[in-house]
Amino acid sequence: MEVRLHETILYNSLYRFDEDVLVNPHVLGAPAGQNPVLHFRYIPGGRSFRHYMKSFDYAWERGTSA
């Protein structure tokens, strides 16, 4: 596991595990635990997994090792 710190404003939390990603959207005024968790799995030709991974990569590339 590797952790990085960044100053990017996020509108969801992303947790990636190989070919799966869990997305916890941040809803204004509600704690994370009161918001849904969406589960996306990589499927060739699928869009959702790749869409969230682009967001993850954007933040990851701008982060620094913790």
Protein backbone atom coordinates (compact mmCIF):
# COMPACT_ATOMS: atom_id res chain seq x y z
CA MET A 1 0.00 0.00 0.00
CA GLU A 2 1.14 3.53 -0.73
CA VAL A 3 -0.40 6.73 0.58
CA ARG A 4 -0.04 10.14 -1.02
CA LEU A 5 -1.09 13.58 0.13
CA HIS A 6 -2.51 16.18 -2.24
CA GLU A 7 -4.28 19.52 -2.24
CA THR A 8 -6.80 18.62 -4.92
CA ILE A 9 -10.44 19.34 -4.06
CA LEU A 10 -12.27 16.01 -4.16
CA TYR A 11 -15.95 15.38 -4.57
CA ASN A 12 -15.67 11.68 -3.77
CA SER A 13 -13.34 9.22 -2.12
CA LEU A 14 -11.85 6.49 -4.28
CA TYR A 15 -10.57 3.14 -3.04
CA ARG A 16 -8.98 1.00 -5.75
CA PHE A 17 -8.35 -2.72 -5.45
CA ASP A 18 -6.89 -4.14 -8.70
CA GLU A 19 -9.86 -4.33 -11.09
CA ASP A 20 -12.39 -2.85 -8.62
CA VAL A 21 -12.96 0.67 -7.37
CA LEU A 22 -15.25 1.82 -4.56
CA VAL A 23 -16.52 5.38 -4.91
CA ASN A 24 -17.99 7.28 -1.97
CA PRO A 25 -19.59 10.46 -3.38
CA HIS A 26 -19.45 13.44 -1.05
CA VAL A 27 -22.84 15.06 -0.63
CA LEU A 28 -22.69 18.57 0.80
CA GLY A 29 -23.85 18.66 4.40
CA ALA A 30 -23.77 14.88 4.95
CA PRO A 31 -20.98 12.83 6.59
CA ALA A 32 -19.30 10.25 4.33
CA GLY A 33 -20.92 7.39 6.26
CA GLN A 34 -24.37 8.67 5.28
CA ASN A 35 -23.62 8.65 1.55
CA PRO A 36 -23.71 5.69 -0.83
CA VAL A 37 -20.73 3.60 -1.85
CA LEU A 38 -20.67 2.69 -5.52
CA HIS A 39 -18.77 -0.42 -6.68
CA PHE A 40 -17.32 -0.41 -10.20
CA ARG A 41 -15.38 -3.28 -11.78
CA TYR A 42 -13.14 -3.01 -14.82
CA ILE A 43 -14.87 -4.39 -17.90
CA PRO A 44 -13.16 -4.07 -21.30
CA GLY A 45 -14.98 -1.33 -23.22
CA GLY A 46 -16.76 -0.11 -20.08
CA ARG A 47 -16.64 3.57 -19.16
CA SER A 48 -17.37 4.04 -15.46
CA PHE A 49 -14.24 2.35 -14.07
CA ARG A 50 -11.97 4.22 -16.50
CA HIS A 51 -13.74 7.51 -15.77
CA TYR A 52 -13.04 7.27 -12.05
CA MET A 53 -9.50 6.00 -12.61
CA LYS A 54 -8.73 9.13 -14.64
CA SER A 55 -9.80 11.18 -11.63
CA PHE A 56 -7.72 8.97 -9.32
CA ASP A 57 -4.65 9.29 -11.57
CA TYR A 58 -5.06 13.08 -11.70
CA ALA A 59 -4.90 13.35 -7.90
CA TRP A 60 -2.22 10.64 -7.55
CA GLU A 61 0.16 12.35 -10.00
CA ARG A 62 -0.13 15.63 -8.11
CA GLY A 63 0.36 14.03 -4.69
CA THR A 64 3.50 13.53 -2.65
CA SER A 65 4.56 10.49 -0.64
CA ALA A 66 3.24 10.61 2.91
